Amino acid sequence: MSARADSDGLWHLHGQQNNWILPPKAPLILRLPVIRQLRAVWHEGQVDRHNQFWRSVGTIPTGYDEWVLYAIWRGWC
């Protein structure tokens, strides 16, 4: 099995274990290869800023945002 298939399988498992649901799919143009990867990088910056704030007040991120970022990178949402 490839590393990508392993990662995808773990991603699906992690989502099931936490009962996470993906947000609605973005329009097709935003899910094209280069565009979706740029979207994922931009959103990653937003997530980092968001998590940095919440860590500063003593909370721990759940991992949902990173889970969604992976889906964006892969073109699933």
N, C-alpha and C. Protein backbone atom coordinates (compact mmCIF):
# COMPACT_ATOMS: atom_id res chain seq x y z
N MET A 1 0.85 -1.17 0.00
CA MET A 1 0.00 0.00 0.00
C MET A 1 0.90 1.24 0.00
N SER A 2 0.49 2.27 -0.71
CA SER A 2 1.29 3.47 -0.81
C SER A 2 1.15 4.33 0.44
N ALA A 3 2.10 5.24 0.61
CA ALA A 3 2.06 6.16 1.75
C ALA A 3 0.82 7.04 1.68
N ARG A 4 0.44 7.43 0.46
CA ARG A 4 -0.76 8.28 0.30
C ARG A 4 -2.01 7.51 0.73
N ALA A 5 -2.11 6.26 0.34
CA ALA A 5 -3.27 5.45 0.73
C ALA A 5 -3.30 5.27 2.25
N ASP A 6 -2.12 5.08 2.86
CA ASP A 6 -2.05 4.98 4.32
C ASP A 6 -2.53 6.26 4.97
N SER A 7 -2.06 7.39 4.47
CA SER A 7 -2.45 8.69 5.02
C SER A 7 -3.95 8.92 4.87
N ASP A 8 -4.47 8.59 3.69
CA ASP A 8 -5.91 8.77 3.46
C ASP A 8 -6.72 7.88 4.39
N GLY A 9 -6.27 6.66 4.58
CA GLY A 9 -6.97 5.74 5.48
C GLY A 9 -6.96 6.24 6.91
N LEU A 10 -5.82 6.72 7.36
CA LEU A 10 -5.73 7.27 8.71
C LEU A 10 -6.59 8.52 8.85
N TRP A 11 -6.64 9.33 7.80
CA TRP A 11 -7.47 10.53 7.81
C TRP A 11 -8.94 10.15 7.98
N HIS A 12 -9.40 9.17 7.19
CA HIS A 12 -10.79 8.72 7.30
C HIS A 12 -11.08 8.15 8.69
N LEU A 13 -10.17 7.35 9.20
CA LEU A 13 -10.33 6.75 10.52
C LEU A 13 -10.42 7.82 11.60
N HIS A 14 -9.53 8.80 11.53
CA HIS A 14 -9.52 9.88 12.52
C HIS A 14 -10.85 10.64 12.49
N GLY A 15 -11.36 10.90 11.30
CA GLY A 15 -12.64 11.58 11.18
C GLY A 15 -13.79 10.78 11.77
N GLN A 16 -13.78 9.48 11.51
CA GLN A 16 -14.83 8.61 12.05
C GLN A 16 -14.77 8.54 13.57
N GLN A 17 -13.57 8.41 14.10
CA GLN A 17 -13.41 8.31 15.55
C GLN A 17 -13.90 9.55 16.27
N ASN A 18 -13.79 10.69 15.62
CA ASN A 18 -14.19 11.95 16.25
C ASN A 18 -15.55 12.46 15.77
N ASN A 19 -16.21 11.69 14.91
CA ASN A 19 -17.51 12.09 14.35
C ASN A 19 -17.45 13.43 13.63
N TRP A 20 -16.35 13.66 12.94
CA TRP A 20 -16.18 14.91 12.21
C TRP A 20 -16.82 14.81 10.84
N ILE A 21 -17.40 15.90 10.39
CA ILE A 21 -18.03 15.99 9.07
C ILE A 21 -17.38 17.14 8.32
N LEU A 22 -17.09 16.91 7.05
CA LEU A 22 -16.49 17.96 6.23
C LEU A 22 -17.49 19.07 5.94
N PRO A 23 -16.98 20.29 5.79
CA PRO A 23 -17.87 21.36 5.33
C PRO A 23 -18.29 21.08 3.89
N PRO A 24 -19.28 21.81 3.37
CA PRO A 24 -19.71 21.60 1.98
C PRO A 24 -18.55 21.78 1.00
N LYS A 25 -18.64 21.06 -0.11
CA LYS A 25 -17.60 21.16 -1.13
C LYS A 25 -17.53 22.57 -1.71
N ALA A 26 -16.31 22.99 -1.97
CA ALA A 26 -16.09 24.26 -2.65
C ALA A 26 -16.43 24.08 -4.13
N PRO A 27 -16.66 25.17 -4.85
CA PRO A 27 -16.88 25.04 -6.29
C PRO A 27 -15.69 24.32 -6.95
N LEU A 28 -15.97 23.65 -8.05
CA LEU A 28 -14.95 22.85 -8.73
C LEU A 28 -13.67 23.63 -9.02
N ILE A 29 -13.79 24.88 -9.42
CA ILE A 29 -12.59 25.67 -9.76
C ILE A 29 -11.66 25.77 -8.56
N LEU A 30 -12.21 25.82 -7.35
CA LEU A 30 -11.38 25.93 -6.15
C LEU A 30 -10.80 24.60 -5.71
N ARG A 31 -11.26 23.52 -6.33
CA ARG A 31 -10.74 22.19 -5.99
C ARG A 31 -9.75 21.66 -7.03
N LEU A 32 -9.39 22.49 -7.99
CA LEU A 32 -8.39 22.09 -8.98
C LEU A 32 -7.01 22.06 -8.33
N PRO A 33 -6.09 21.22 -8.83
CA PRO A 33 -4.82 20.96 -8.15
C PRO A 33 -4.06 22.16 -7.59
N VAL A 34 -3.63 23.08 -8.37
CA VAL A 34 -2.80 24.17 -7.83
C VAL A 34 -3.62 25.11 -6.96
N ILE A 35 -4.84 25.37 -7.37
CA ILE A 35 -5.69 26.30 -6.62
C ILE A 35 -6.03 25.74 -5.25
N ARG A 36 -6.35 24.45 -5.18
CA ARG A 36 -6.70 23.88 -3.87
C ARG A 36 -5.51 23.88 -2.93
N GLN A 37 -4.32 23.70 -3.48
CA GLN A 37 -3.13 23.71 -2.62
C GLN A 37 -2.83 25.11 -2.11
N LEU A 38 -3.04 26.11 -2.94
CA LEU A 38 -2.89 27.49 -2.48
C LEU A 38 -3.93 27.81 -1.41
N ARG A 39 -5.16 27.34 -1.62
CA ARG A 39 -6.22 27.52 -0.62
C ARG A 39 -5.82 26.89 0.70
N ALA A 40 -5.29 25.68 0.64
CA ALA A 40 -4.90 24.97 1.86
C ALA A 40 -3.81 25.72 2.61
N VAL A 41 -2.83 26.25 1.88
CA VAL A 41 -1.74 27.00 2.51
C VAL A 41 -2.29 28.27 3.15
N TRP A 42 -3.17 28.98 2.46
CA TRP A 42 -3.74 30.20 3.00
C TRP A 42 -4.55 29.89 4.27
N HIS A 43 -5.39 28.87 4.18
CA HIS A 43 -6.21 28.50 5.34
C HIS A 43 -5.35 28.00 6.50
N GLU A 44 -4.23 27.36 6.18
CA GLU A 44 -3.34 26.90 7.23
C GLU A 44 -2.82 28.08 8.05
N GLY A 45 -2.52 29.18 7.38
CA GLY A 45 -2.09 30.38 8.09
C GLY A 45 -3.19 30.89 9.00
N GLN A 46 -4.42 30.86 8.51
CA GLN A 46 -5.56 31.30 9.33
C GLN A 46 -5.75 30.38 10.54
N VAL A 47 -5.62 29.09 10.32
CA VAL A 47 -5.77 28.12 11.41
C VAL A 47 -4.65 28.31 12.44
N ASP A 48 -3.43 28.52 11.97
CA ASP A 48 -2.31 28.73 12.90
C ASP A 48 -2.56 29.94 13.78
N ARG A 49 -3.03 31.02 13.18
CA ARG A 49 -3.32 32.24 13.94
C ARG A 49 -4.44 31.98 14.96
N HIS A 50 -5.46 31.31 14.52
CA HIS A 50 -6.60 30.98 15.39
C HIS A 50 -6.14 30.10 16.57
N ASN A 51 -5.40 29.05 16.26
CA ASN A 51 -4.93 28.14 17.31
C ASN A 51 -3.95 28.82 18.25
N GLN A 52 -3.14 29.71 17.73
CA GLN A 52 -2.18 30.44 18.56
C GLN A 52 -2.93 31.24 19.64
N PHE A 53 -4.00 31.89 19.24
CA PHE A 53 -4.81 32.63 20.21
C PHE A 53 -5.36 31.71 21.28
N TRP A 54 -5.98 30.61 20.86
CA TRP A 54 -6.62 29.72 21.83
C TRP A 54 -5.60 29.03 22.73
N ARG A 55 -4.42 28.75 22.21
CA ARG A 55 -3.37 28.18 23.07
C ARG A 55 -2.93 29.20 24.12
N SER A 56 -2.94 30.48 23.75
CA SER A 56 -2.51 31.52 24.69
C SER A 56 -3.46 31.65 25.88
N VAL A 57 -4.69 31.21 25.73
CA VAL A 57 -5.63 31.25 26.85
C VAL A 57 -5.80 29.88 27.51
N GLY A 58 -4.95 28.93 27.11
CA GLY A 58 -4.89 27.64 27.80
C GLY A 58 -5.72 26.51 27.25
N THR A 59 -6.23 26.63 26.02
CA THR A 59 -6.99 25.52 25.45
C THR A 59 -6.13 24.76 24.45
N ILE A 60 -6.55 23.56 24.14
CA ILE A 60 -5.83 22.69 23.20
C ILE A 60 -6.72 22.48 21.98
N PRO A 61 -6.20 22.74 20.77
CA PRO A 61 -7.00 22.51 19.55
C PRO A 61 -7.39 21.04 19.42
N THR A 62 -8.54 20.81 18.82
CA THR A 62 -9.04 19.44 18.66
C THR A 62 -8.40 18.69 17.50
N GLY A 63 -7.89 19.42 16.52
CA GLY A 63 -7.34 18.80 15.33
C GLY A 63 -8.29 18.83 14.15
N TYR A 64 -9.53 19.27 14.39
CA TYR A 64 -10.51 19.31 13.31
C TYR A 64 -10.05 20.21 12.17
N ASP A 65 -9.50 21.36 12.50
CA ASP A 65 -9.09 22.29 11.45
C ASP A 65 -8.01 21.68 10.56
N GLU A 66 -7.06 21.00 11.15
CA GLU A 66 -6.01 20.34 10.37
C GLU A 66 -6.58 19.21 9.53
N TRP A 67 -7.58 18.54 10.08
CA TRP A 67 -8.27 17.46 9.35
C TRP A 67 -8.94 18.01 8.10
N VAL A 68 -9.58 19.17 8.23
CA VAL A 68 -10.22 19.82 7.08
C VAL A 68 -9.16 20.32 6.10
N LEU A 69 -8.04 20.84 6.60
CA LEU A 69 -6.97 21.30 5.71
C LEU A 69 -6.47 20.16 4.81
N TYR A 70 -6.34 18.98 5.38
CA TYR A 70 -5.92 17.82 4.59
C TYR A 70 -6.92 17.56 3.47
N ALA A 71 -8.21 17.66 3.79
CA ALA A 71 -9.26 17.44 2.79
C ALA A 71 -9.20 18.50 1.70
N ILE A 72 -8.93 19.73 2.08
CA ILE A 72 -8.80 20.80 1.08
C ILE A 72 -7.61 20.49 0.17
N TRP A 73 -6.49 20.11 0.75
CA TRP A 73 -5.28 19.80 -0.02
C TRP A 73 -5.55 18.68 -1.03
N ARG A 74 -6.36 17.70 -0.61
CA ARG A 74 -6.66 16.56 -1.48
C ARG A 74 -7.80 16.84 -2.46
N GLY A 75 -8.52 17.99 -2.29
CA GLY A 75 -9.59 18.34 -3.19
C GLY A 75 -10.94 17.76 -2.82
N TRP A 76 -11.10 17.36 -1.57
CA TRP A 76 -12.34 16.74 -1.13
C TRP A 76 -13.36 17.74 -0.62
N CYS A 77 -12.92 18.95 -0.36
CA CYS A 77 -13.88 19.97 0.07
C CYS A 77 -13.36 21.36 -0.31
